[in-house]
Amino acid sequence: MKDDHRSHPFRDSTQDAQAVRRIPDTPQTRAPAYRLAFTDTDFLTREELRPVRLQLELLKPQMMLDEAGITSTVVLFGGARIPDPARKDKARTPALADLSRYYDEARRFAHAVTLRSMAGGGHADVIVTGGGPGVMEAGNRGAAEAGGRSIGLNIVLPHEQAPNAYVTPEFSFNFHYFAIRKMHFLMRASAVCVFPGGFGTLDEMFESLTLIQTGRMKPIPFLLFGRQFWETIINWQALAEAGTIAAADLALFRFVETAEEALAAIDGWPDAA
């Protein structure tokens, strides 16, 4: 990620940032105006610099994943509150305790996908999650237990949101902008798997489906784990009958219950090209 000073005849930015630390301490050198712009946090966080920050947040993960040779990902969306079955007695509600089985399915699915990925070199179909707890932890955990790498796309929130212990450290990213984070979920996606969840999961699911529905994103395997959950909270058929979506839009996704069903659905998905 650093400038390669061998590729051009000029001093690189790292050299100058280090040189500035060695200059005499004077009123002039202490002044904010003297700071190099790219090392000046106060400057970079100004309102007027938002377009630059958006670009940086897009570029940093993109460049690091490119450098690591990651060509495609399998996306796991799902609730942060869904517990590991081993801890389901601490779930906030009986319904969440019941949904803990999807923690196991996410873990098993990620494990199987990662084994397949590693058999092909480990650069394609790498698991990516939101990097937090619940279903996200399960996805990264399954990948780690398979001996592979996985990606975590965390975001700064007012409450707790730290990377789970199973995210591959060099692929543990942090975001300020939800919009850029969403782009990184889908830019390399070869499949999207959505587990039961709340507002965040619903937001990610519907935005992804809208991109496919409108042709802004090519059709890819799109799987919803837990038919009963999804049909309870969303009346999909009513949307089609009302004409607010086309009947054909119901074919953009499929329901599955287990990791094995999900793998079979991905393998049998019609060619989207």
C-alpha atoms as a PDB file:
ATOM      1  CA  MET A   1       0.000   0.000   0.000  1.00  0.00           C
ATOM      2  CA  LYS A   2       2.976   2.339   0.387  1.00  0.00           C
ATOM      3  CA  ASP A   3       4.372   4.391  -2.454  1.00  0.00           C
ATOM      4  CA  ASP A   4       7.054   2.536  -4.403  1.00  0.00           C
ATOM      5  CA  HIS A   5       9.824   5.139  -4.710  1.00  0.00           C
ATOM      6  CA  ARG A   6      11.547   2.988  -7.317  1.00  0.00           C
ATOM      7  CA  SER A   7       8.726   3.562  -9.815  1.00  0.00           C
ATOM      8  CA  HIS A   8       9.317   7.313 -10.136  1.00  0.00           C
ATOM      9  CA  PRO A   9      12.166   9.783  -9.508  1.00  0.00           C
ATOM     10  CA  PHE A  10      10.417  11.745  -6.757  1.00  0.00           C
ATOM     11  CA  ARG A  11      10.573  11.346  -2.994  1.00  0.00           C
ATOM     12  CA  ASP A  12       7.609   9.336  -1.824  1.00  0.00           C
ATOM     13  CA  SER A  13       4.998  10.390   0.723  1.00  0.00           C
ATOM     14  CA  THR A  14       6.300   8.037   3.435  1.00  0.00           C
ATOM     15  CA  GLN A  15       9.763   9.565   3.259  1.00  0.00           C
ATOM     16  CA  ASP A  16       8.396  13.080   3.604  1.00  0.00           C
ATOM     17  CA  ALA A  17       6.083  12.132   6.467  1.00  0.00           C
ATOM     18  CA  GLN A  18       9.106  10.757   8.315  1.00  0.00           C
ATOM     19  CA  ALA A  19      11.241  13.785   7.456  1.00  0.00           C
ATOM     20  CA  VAL A  20       8.678  16.171   8.934  1.00  0.00           C
ATOM     21  CA  ARG A  21       9.079  14.487  12.328  1.00  0.00           C
ATOM     22  CA  ARG A  22      12.756  15.464  12.395  1.00  0.00           C
ATOM     23  CA  ILE A  23      12.359  19.192  11.740  1.00  0.00           C
ATOM     24  CA  PRO A  24      13.007  21.799  14.482  1.00  0.00           C
ATOM     25  CA  ASP A  25      10.153  22.500  16.877  1.00  0.00           C
ATOM     26  CA  THR A  26       9.120  26.106  16.241  1.00  0.00           C
ATOM     27  CA  PRO A  27       5.846  28.071  16.303  1.00  0.00           C
ATOM     28  CA  GLN A  28       5.766  27.727  12.537  1.00  0.00           C
ATOM     29  CA  THR A  29       6.227  23.959  12.426  1.00  0.00           C
ATOM     30  CA  ARG A  30       3.678  23.474  15.221  1.00  0.00           C
ATOM     31  CA  ALA A  31       1.018  25.402  13.319  1.00  0.00           C
ATOM     32  CA  PRO A  32      -1.791  23.320  11.719  1.00  0.00           C
ATOM     33  CA  ALA A  33      -1.116  24.998   8.380  1.00  0.00           C
ATOM     34  CA  TYR A  34       2.331  23.386   8.234  1.00  0.00           C
ATOM     35  CA  ARG A  35       1.095  19.811   8.519  1.00  0.00           C
ATOM     36  CA  LEU A  36       1.260  17.708   5.393  1.00  0.00           C
ATOM     37  CA  ALA A  37      -2.325  17.481   4.164  1.00  0.00           C
ATOM     38  CA  PHE A  38      -2.371  13.679   3.992  1.00  0.00           C
ATOM     39  CA  THR A  39      -1.169  13.346   7.622  1.00  0.00           C
ATOM     40  CA  ASP A  40      -3.479  16.043   8.989  1.00  0.00           C
ATOM     41  CA  THR A  41      -6.440  14.281  10.616  1.00  0.00           C
ATOM     42  CA  ASP A  42      -8.159  17.550  11.489  1.00  0.00           C
ATOM     43  CA  PHE A  43      -8.047  18.535   7.830  1.00  0.00           C
ATOM     44  CA  LEU A  44      -9.125  15.137   6.492  1.00  0.00           C
ATOM     45  CA  THR A  45     -12.174  15.034   8.757  1.00  0.00           C
ATOM     46  CA  ARG A  46     -13.504  18.431   7.683  1.00  0.00           C
ATOM     47  CA  GLU A  47     -16.979  18.575   6.139  1.00  0.00           C
ATOM     48  CA  GLU A  48     -15.573  19.655   2.788  1.00  0.00           C
ATOM     49  CA  LEU A  49     -13.379  16.527   2.622  1.00  0.00           C
ATOM     50  CA  ARG A  50     -16.275  14.040   2.628  1.00  0.00           C
ATOM     51  CA  PRO A  51     -15.801  13.194  -1.099  1.00  0.00           C
ATOM     52  CA  VAL A  52     -12.157  12.371  -0.385  1.00  0.00           C
ATOM     53  CA  ARG A  53     -13.072  10.173   2.592  1.00  0.00           C
ATOM     54  CA  LEU A  54     -15.651   8.330   0.498  1.00  0.00           C
ATOM     55  CA  GLN A  55     -13.011   7.637  -2.108  1.00  0.00           C
ATOM     56  CA  LEU A  56     -10.476   6.488   0.477  1.00  0.00           C
ATOM     57  CA  GLU A  57     -12.998   4.109   2.044  1.00  0.00           C
ATOM     58  CA  LEU A  58     -13.733   2.650  -1.363  1.00  0.00           C
ATOM     59  CA  LEU A  59     -10.074   2.350  -2.325  1.00  0.00           C
ATOM     60  CA  LYS A  60      -8.489   0.901   0.813  1.00  0.00           C
ATOM     61  CA  PRO A  61     -10.349  -2.452   0.966  1.00  0.00           C
ATOM     62  CA  GLN A  62     -10.429  -2.670  -2.831  1.00  0.00           C
ATOM     63  CA  MET A  63      -6.656  -2.319  -3.116  1.00  0.00           C
ATOM     64  CA  MET A  64      -5.905  -4.665  -0.222  1.00  0.00           C
ATOM     65  CA  LEU A  65      -8.212  -7.394  -1.529  1.00  0.00           C
ATOM     66  CA  ASP A  66      -6.800  -6.972  -5.034  1.00  0.00           C
ATOM     67  CA  GLU A  67      -3.279  -7.302  -3.654  1.00  0.00           C
ATOM     68  CA  ALA A  68      -4.346 -10.481  -1.833  1.00  0.00           C
ATOM     69  CA  GLY A  69      -5.709 -11.888  -5.092  1.00  0.00           C
ATOM     70  CA  ILE A  70      -9.334 -12.209  -3.907  1.00  0.00           C
ATOM     71  CA  THR A  71     -11.423 -12.600  -7.052  1.00  0.00           C
ATOM     72  CA  SER A  72     -14.894 -13.394  -5.686  1.00  0.00           C
ATOM     73  CA  THR A  73     -16.792 -13.704  -2.431  1.00  0.00           C
ATOM     74  CA  VAL A  74     -19.794 -15.483  -0.951  1.00  0.00           C
ATOM     75  CA  VAL A  75     -21.771 -12.991   1.129  1.00  0.00           C
ATOM     76  CA  LEU A  76     -23.444 -13.875   4.439  1.00  0.00           C
ATOM     77  CA  PHE A  77     -25.996 -11.447   5.846  1.00  0.00           C
ATOM     78  CA  GLY A  78     -27.774 -12.173   9.114  1.00  0.00           C
ATOM     79  CA  GLY A  79     -28.707 -11.041  12.592  1.00  0.00           C
ATOM     80  CA  ALA A  80     -26.119  -9.964  15.144  1.00  0.00           C
ATOM     81  CA  ARG A  81     -28.415 -11.135  17.964  1.00  0.00           C
ATOM     82  CA  ILE A  82     -28.765 -14.765  16.869  1.00  0.00           C
ATOM     83  CA  PRO A  83     -26.753 -16.747  19.423  1.00  0.00           C
ATOM     84  CA  ASP A  84     -24.433 -19.692  19.208  1.00  0.00           C
ATOM     85  CA  PRO A  85     -26.612 -22.696  20.203  1.00  0.00           C
ATOM     86  CA  ALA A  86     -24.180 -23.292  23.059  1.00  0.00           C
ATOM     87  CA  ARG A  87     -25.246 -19.923  24.493  1.00  0.00           C
ATOM     88  CA  LYS A  88     -28.882 -19.875  23.467  1.00  0.00           C
ATOM     89  CA  ASP A  89     -29.987 -19.949  27.112  1.00  0.00           C
ATOM     90  CA  LYS A  90     -28.785 -16.327  27.242  1.00  0.00           C
ATOM     91  CA  ALA A  91     -30.839 -15.259  24.193  1.00  0.00           C
ATOM     92  CA  ARG A  92     -33.013 -12.161  24.634  1.00  0.00           C
ATOM     93  CA  THR A  93     -36.186 -13.984  23.568  1.00  0.00           C
ATOM     94  CA  PRO A  94     -37.343 -17.588  23.092  1.00  0.00           C
ATOM     95  CA  ALA A  95     -37.661 -16.868  19.367  1.00  0.00           C
ATOM     96  CA  LEU A  96     -33.981 -15.885  19.160  1.00  0.00           C
ATOM     97  CA  ALA A  97     -33.047 -19.047  21.019  1.00  0.00           C
ATOM     98  CA  ASP A  98     -34.987 -21.050  18.438  1.00  0.00           C
ATOM     99  CA  LEU A  99     -33.265 -19.214  15.588  1.00  0.00           C
ATOM    100  CA  SER A 100     -29.874 -20.246  16.991  1.00  0.00           C
ATOM    101  CA  ARG A 101     -29.976 -23.255  14.672  1.00  0.00           C
ATOM    102  CA  TYR A 102     -29.153 -20.840  11.851  1.00  0.00           C
ATOM    103  CA  TYR A 103     -25.910 -19.951  13.613  1.00  0.00           C
ATOM    104  CA  ASP A 104     -24.937 -23.579  13.106  1.00  0.00           C
ATOM    105  CA  GLU A 105     -26.118 -23.593   9.491  1.00  0.00           C
ATOM    106  CA  ALA A 106     -24.133 -20.441   8.713  1.00  0.00           C
ATOM    107  CA  ARG A 107     -21.076 -21.970  10.361  1.00  0.00           C
ATOM    108  CA  ARG A 108     -21.416 -25.248   8.447  1.00  0.00           C
ATOM    109  CA  PHE A 109     -22.141 -23.486   5.178  1.00  0.00           C
ATOM    110  CA  ALA A 110     -19.113 -21.198   5.518  1.00  0.00           C
ATOM    111  CA  HIS A 111     -16.952 -24.189   6.410  1.00  0.00           C
ATOM    112  CA  ALA A 112     -18.028 -26.080   3.274  1.00  0.00           C
ATOM    113  CA  VAL A 113     -17.673 -23.054   0.981  1.00  0.00           C
ATOM    114  CA  THR A 114     -14.198 -22.355   2.368  1.00  0.00           C
ATOM    115  CA  LEU A 115     -13.046 -25.933   1.809  1.00  0.00           C
ATOM    116  CA  ARG A 116     -14.180 -25.636  -1.816  1.00  0.00           C
ATOM    117  CA  SER A 117     -12.422 -22.288  -2.131  1.00  0.00           C
ATOM    118  CA  MET A 118      -9.162 -23.643  -0.713  1.00  0.00           C
ATOM    119  CA  ALA A 119      -9.271 -26.590  -3.098  1.00  0.00           C
ATOM    120  CA  GLY A 120      -9.154 -24.041  -5.908  1.00  0.00           C
ATOM    121  CA  GLY A 121      -6.385 -21.941  -4.396  1.00  0.00           C
ATOM    122  CA  GLY A 122      -8.338 -19.898  -1.862  1.00  0.00           C
ATOM    123  CA  HIS A 123      -8.828 -16.784  -4.016  1.00  0.00           C
ATOM    124  CA  ALA A 124     -12.409 -17.331  -5.204  1.00  0.00           C
ATOM    125  CA  ASP A 125     -15.630 -17.566  -3.174  1.00  0.00           C
ATOM    126  CA  VAL A 126     -14.092 -16.241   0.027  1.00  0.00           C
ATOM    127  CA  ILE A 127     -16.637 -15.793   2.822  1.00  0.00           C
ATOM    128  CA  VAL A 128     -17.477 -12.175   3.659  1.00  0.00           C
ATOM    129  CA  THR A 129     -19.637 -11.042   6.582  1.00  0.00           C
ATOM    130  CA  GLY A 130     -20.332  -7.839   8.458  1.00  0.00           C
ATOM    131  CA  GLY A 131     -17.595  -8.864  10.878  1.00  0.00           C
ATOM    132  CA  GLY A 132     -19.725  -8.681  14.026  1.00  0.00           C
ATOM    133  CA  PRO A 133     -21.447 -11.211  16.299  1.00  0.00           C
ATOM    134  CA  GLY A 134     -24.301 -13.627  15.648  1.00  0.00           C
ATOM    135  CA  VAL A 135     -24.618 -14.986  12.122  1.00  0.00           C
ATOM    136  CA  MET A 136     -21.620 -12.904  11.098  1.00  0.00           C
ATOM    137  CA  GLU A 137     -19.441 -14.585  13.712  1.00  0.00           C
ATOM    138  CA  ALA A 138     -20.741 -17.973  12.599  1.00  0.00           C
ATOM    139  CA  GLY A 139     -19.696 -17.324   9.007  1.00  0.00           C
ATOM    140  CA  ASN A 140     -16.186 -16.213   9.870  1.00  0.00           C
ATOM    141  CA  ARG A 141     -15.919 -19.034  12.397  1.00  0.00           C
ATOM    142  CA  GLY A 142     -16.805 -21.697   9.871  1.00  0.00           C
ATOM    143  CA  ALA A 143     -14.200 -20.352   7.463  1.00  0.00           C
ATOM    144  CA  ALA A 144     -11.534 -20.280  10.175  1.00  0.00           C
ATOM    145  CA  GLU A 145     -12.359 -23.829  11.259  1.00  0.00           C
ATOM    146  CA  ALA A 146     -11.880 -24.943   7.651  1.00  0.00           C
ATOM    147  CA  GLY A 147      -8.390 -23.419   7.761  1.00  0.00           C
ATOM    148  CA  GLY A 148      -9.212 -20.636   5.319  1.00  0.00           C
ATOM    149  CA  ARG A 149      -9.442 -16.879   5.204  1.00  0.00           C
ATOM    150  CA  SER A 150     -12.561 -14.748   5.490  1.00  0.00           C
ATOM    151  CA  ILE A 151     -13.435 -11.076   5.304  1.00  0.00           C
ATOM    152  CA  GLY A 152     -15.165  -8.895   7.895  1.00  0.00           C
ATOM    153  CA  LEU A 153     -16.665  -5.522   6.970  1.00  0.00           C
ATOM    154  CA  ASN A 154     -17.284  -3.804  10.288  1.00  0.00           C
ATOM    155  CA  ILE A 155     -18.810  -0.363  10.725  1.00  0.00           C
ATOM    156  CA  VAL A 156     -18.489   2.198  13.492  1.00  0.00           C
ATOM    157  CA  LEU A 157     -21.759   2.321  15.451  1.00  0.00           C
ATOM    158  CA  PRO A 158     -22.847   4.174  18.598  1.00  0.00           C
ATOM    159  CA  HIS A 159     -23.104   0.862  20.438  1.00  0.00           C
ATOM    160  CA  GLU A 160     -20.824  -2.154  20.452  1.00  0.00           C
ATOM    161  CA  GLN A 161     -19.476  -3.343  17.107  1.00  0.00           C
ATOM    162  CA  ALA A 162     -16.036  -4.883  17.173  1.00  0.00           C
ATOM    163  CA  PRO A 163     -14.628  -7.543  14.843  1.00  0.00           C
ATOM    164  CA  ASN A 164     -15.397 -11.071  15.948  1.00  0.00           C
ATOM    165  CA  ALA A 165     -12.409 -13.255  16.803  1.00  0.00           C
ATOM    166  CA  TYR A 166     -12.659 -15.337  13.619  1.00  0.00           C
ATOM    167  CA  VAL A 167     -12.190 -12.664  10.949  1.00  0.00           C
ATOM    168  CA  THR A 168      -8.845 -12.992   9.168  1.00  0.00           C
ATOM    169  CA  PRO A 169      -6.919 -10.023  10.644  1.00  0.00           C
ATOM    170  CA  GLU A 170      -5.572  -8.728   7.340  1.00  0.00           C
ATOM    171  CA  PHE A 171      -9.137  -8.752   5.969  1.00  0.00           C
ATOM    172  CA  SER A 172     -10.715  -7.030   8.966  1.00  0.00           C
ATOM    173  CA  PHE A 173     -11.958  -3.701   7.605  1.00  0.00           C
ATOM    174  CA  ASN A 174     -13.772  -0.858   9.315  1.00  0.00           C
ATOM    175  CA  PHE A 175     -16.144   1.650   7.716  1.00  0.00           C
ATOM    176  CA  HIS A 176     -17.710   4.994   8.477  1.00  0.00           C
ATOM    177  CA  TYR A 177     -20.012   5.064   5.444  1.00  0.00           C
ATOM    178  CA  PHE A 178     -22.765   2.449   5.168  1.00  0.00           C
ATOM    179  CA  ALA A 179     -23.012   3.052   1.413  1.00  0.00           C
ATOM    180  CA  ILE A 180     -19.362   2.193   0.742  1.00  0.00           C
ATOM    181  CA  ARG A 181     -19.570  -0.850   3.006  1.00  0.00           C
ATOM    182  CA  LYS A 182     -22.564  -2.094   1.018  1.00  0.00           C
ATOM    183  CA  MET A 183     -20.638  -1.659  -2.223  1.00  0.00           C
ATOM    184  CA  HIS A 184     -17.829  -3.832  -0.882  1.00  0.00           C
ATOM    185  CA  PHE A 185     -20.288  -6.558   0.085  1.00  0.00           C
ATOM    186  CA  LEU A 186     -21.459  -6.863  -3.515  1.00  0.00           C
ATOM    187  CA  MET A 187     -18.537  -5.811  -5.725  1.00  0.00           C
ATOM    188  CA  ARG A 188     -17.067  -9.331  -5.734  1.00  0.00           C
ATOM    189  CA  ALA A 189     -20.180 -11.325  -4.811  1.00  0.00           C
ATOM    190  CA  SER A 190     -20.717 -14.660  -6.546  1.00  0.00           C
ATOM    191  CA  ALA A 191     -23.611 -15.566  -4.205  1.00  0.00           C
ATOM    192  CA  VAL A 192     -25.630 -13.919  -1.442  1.00  0.00           C
ATOM    193  CA  CYS A 193     -26.993 -15.867   1.532  1.00  0.00           C
ATOM    194  CA  VAL A 194     -29.382 -14.151   3.928  1.00  0.00           C
ATOM    195  CA  PHE A 195     -30.134 -15.563   7.359  1.00  0.00           C
ATOM    196  CA  PRO A 196     -32.825 -14.337   9.758  1.00  0.00           C
ATOM    197  CA  GLY A 197     -32.081 -10.875  11.091  1.00  0.00           C
ATOM    198  CA  GLY A 198     -33.377  -7.416  11.855  1.00  0.00           C
ATOM    199  CA  PHE A 199     -33.379  -3.990  10.228  1.00  0.00           C
ATOM    200  CA  GLY A 200     -29.769  -4.223   9.035  1.00  0.00           C
ATOM    201  CA  THR A 201     -30.289  -7.631   7.454  1.00  0.00           C
ATOM    202  CA  LEU A 202     -33.530  -6.498   5.800  1.00  0.00           C
ATOM    203  CA  ASP A 203     -31.827  -3.380   4.473  1.00  0.00           C
ATOM    204  CA  GLU A 204     -28.969  -5.374   2.974  1.00  0.00           C
ATOM    205  CA  MET A 205     -31.303  -7.993   1.516  1.00  0.00           C
ATOM    206  CA  PHE A 206     -33.714  -5.576  -0.159  1.00  0.00           C
ATOM    207  CA  GLU A 207     -30.980  -3.332  -1.514  1.00  0.00           C
ATOM    208  CA  SER A 208     -29.234  -6.339  -3.056  1.00  0.00           C
ATOM    209  CA  LEU A 209     -32.478  -7.694  -4.519  1.00  0.00           C
ATOM    210  CA  THR A 210     -33.312  -4.249  -5.931  1.00  0.00           C
ATOM    211  CA  LEU A 211     -29.949  -4.049  -7.679  1.00  0.00           C
ATOM    212  CA  ILE A 212     -30.605  -7.414  -9.320  1.00  0.00           C
ATOM    213  CA  GLN A 213     -34.255  -6.630 -10.088  1.00  0.00           C
ATOM    214  CA  THR A 214     -33.321  -3.369 -11.819  1.00  0.00           C
ATOM    215  CA  GLY A 215     -30.433  -4.853 -13.776  1.00  0.00           C
ATOM    216  CA  ARG A 216     -27.822  -2.806 -11.948  1.00  0.00           C
ATOM    217  CA  MET A 217     -26.252  -6.079 -10.792  1.00  0.00           C
ATOM    218  CA  LYS A 218     -26.143  -9.373 -12.626  1.00  0.00           C
ATOM    219  CA  PRO A 219     -28.299 -12.202 -11.240  1.00  0.00           C
ATOM    220  CA  ILE A 220     -26.390 -14.454  -8.862  1.00  0.00           C
ATOM    221  CA  PRO A 221     -27.500 -17.229  -6.493  1.00  0.00           C
ATOM    222  CA  PHE A 222     -29.562 -15.496  -3.807  1.00  0.00           C
ATOM    223  CA  LEU A 223     -30.622 -17.695  -0.922  1.00  0.00           C
ATOM    224  CA  LEU A 224     -32.850 -17.014   2.083  1.00  0.00           C
ATOM    225  CA  PHE A 225     -32.270 -19.403   4.975  1.00  0.00           C
ATOM    226  CA  GLY A 226     -35.458 -20.183   6.863  1.00  0.00           C
ATOM    227  CA  ARG A 227     -38.642 -20.124   4.786  1.00  0.00           C
ATOM    228  CA  GLN A 228     -40.911 -19.932   7.843  1.00  0.00           C
ATOM    229  CA  PHE A 229     -39.111 -16.865   9.183  1.00  0.00           C
ATOM    230  CA  TRP A 230     -39.110 -15.008   5.877  1.00  0.00           C
ATOM    231  CA  GLU A 231     -42.687 -15.852   4.951  1.00  0.00           C
ATOM    232  CA  THR A 232     -43.851 -14.813   8.415  1.00  0.00           C
ATOM    233  CA  ILE A 233     -42.322 -11.343   8.288  1.00  0.00           C
ATOM    234  CA  ILE A 234     -42.782 -10.636   4.554  1.00  0.00           C
ATOM    235  CA  ASN A 235     -45.808 -11.505   2.430  1.00  0.00           C
ATOM    236  CA  TRP A 236     -43.909 -12.013  -0.803  1.00  0.00           C
ATOM    237  CA  GLN A 237     -46.911 -13.296  -2.722  1.00  0.00           C
ATOM    238  CA  ALA A 238     -48.965 -10.247  -1.746  1.00  0.00           C
ATOM    239  CA  LEU A 239     -46.335  -7.996  -3.290  1.00  0.00           C
ATOM    240  CA  ALA A 240     -46.648  -9.872  -6.582  1.00  0.00           C
ATOM    241  CA  GLU A 241     -50.442  -9.987  -6.464  1.00  0.00           C
ATOM    242  CA  ALA A 242     -50.577  -6.247  -5.792  1.00  0.00           C
ATOM    243  CA  GLY A 243     -48.352  -5.663  -8.788  1.00  0.00           C
ATOM    244  CA  THR A 244     -45.733  -3.790  -6.784  1.00  0.00           C
ATOM    245  CA  ILE A 245     -43.259  -6.412  -7.970  1.00  0.00           C
ATOM    246  CA  ALA A 246     -43.491  -8.711 -10.965  1.00  0.00           C
ATOM    247  CA  ALA A 247     -44.342 -12.358 -10.431  1.00  0.00           C
ATOM    248  CA  ALA A 248     -40.995 -13.156 -12.044  1.00  0.00           C
ATOM    249  CA  ASP A 249     -39.231 -11.257  -9.265  1.00  0.00           C
ATOM    250  CA  LEU A 250     -40.099 -14.065  -6.881  1.00  0.00           C
ATOM    251  CA  ALA A 251     -37.645 -16.226  -8.827  1.00  0.00           C
ATOM    252  CA  LEU A 252     -34.735 -13.913  -7.958  1.00  0.00           C
ATOM    253  CA  PHE A 253     -34.264 -15.830  -4.693  1.00  0.00           C
ATOM    254  CA  ARG A 254     -34.835 -19.259  -3.216  1.00  0.00           C
ATOM    255  CA  PHE A 255     -35.553 -20.546   0.267  1.00  0.00           C
ATOM    256  CA  VAL A 256     -33.213 -23.078   1.854  1.00  0.00           C
ATOM    257  CA  GLU A 257     -32.958 -24.587   5.313  1.00  0.00           C
ATOM    258  CA  THR A 258     -29.560 -26.229   5.527  1.00  0.00           C
ATOM    259  CA  ALA A 259     -25.992 -25.759   4.379  1.00  0.00           C
ATOM    260  CA  GLU A 260     -26.365 -28.755   2.075  1.00  0.00           C
ATOM    261  CA  GLU A 261     -29.474 -27.307   0.423  1.00  0.00           C
ATOM    262  CA  ALA A 262     -27.669 -24.004  -0.058  1.00  0.00           C
ATOM    263  CA  LEU A 263     -24.672 -25.620  -1.736  1.00  0.00           C
ATOM    264  CA  ALA A 264     -26.958 -27.619  -4.024  1.00  0.00           C
ATOM    265  CA  ALA A 265     -28.930 -24.485  -4.923  1.00  0.00           C
ATOM    266  CA  ILE A 266     -25.746 -22.596  -5.797  1.00  0.00           C
ATOM    267  CA  ASP A 267     -24.456 -25.500  -7.887  1.00  0.00           C
ATOM    268  CA  GLY A 268     -27.786 -25.773  -9.724  1.00  0.00           C
ATOM    269  CA  TRP A 269     -28.430 -22.062 -10.197  1.00  0.00           C
ATOM    270  CA  PRO A 270     -29.248 -21.161 -13.805  1.00  0.00           C
ATOM    271  CA  ASP A 271     -26.426 -19.523 -15.723  1.00  0.00           C
ATOM    272  CA  ALA A 272     -26.901 -15.799 -15.106  1.00  0.00           C
ATOM    273  CA  ALA A 273     -24.631 -14.653 -17.906  1.00  0.00           C
END
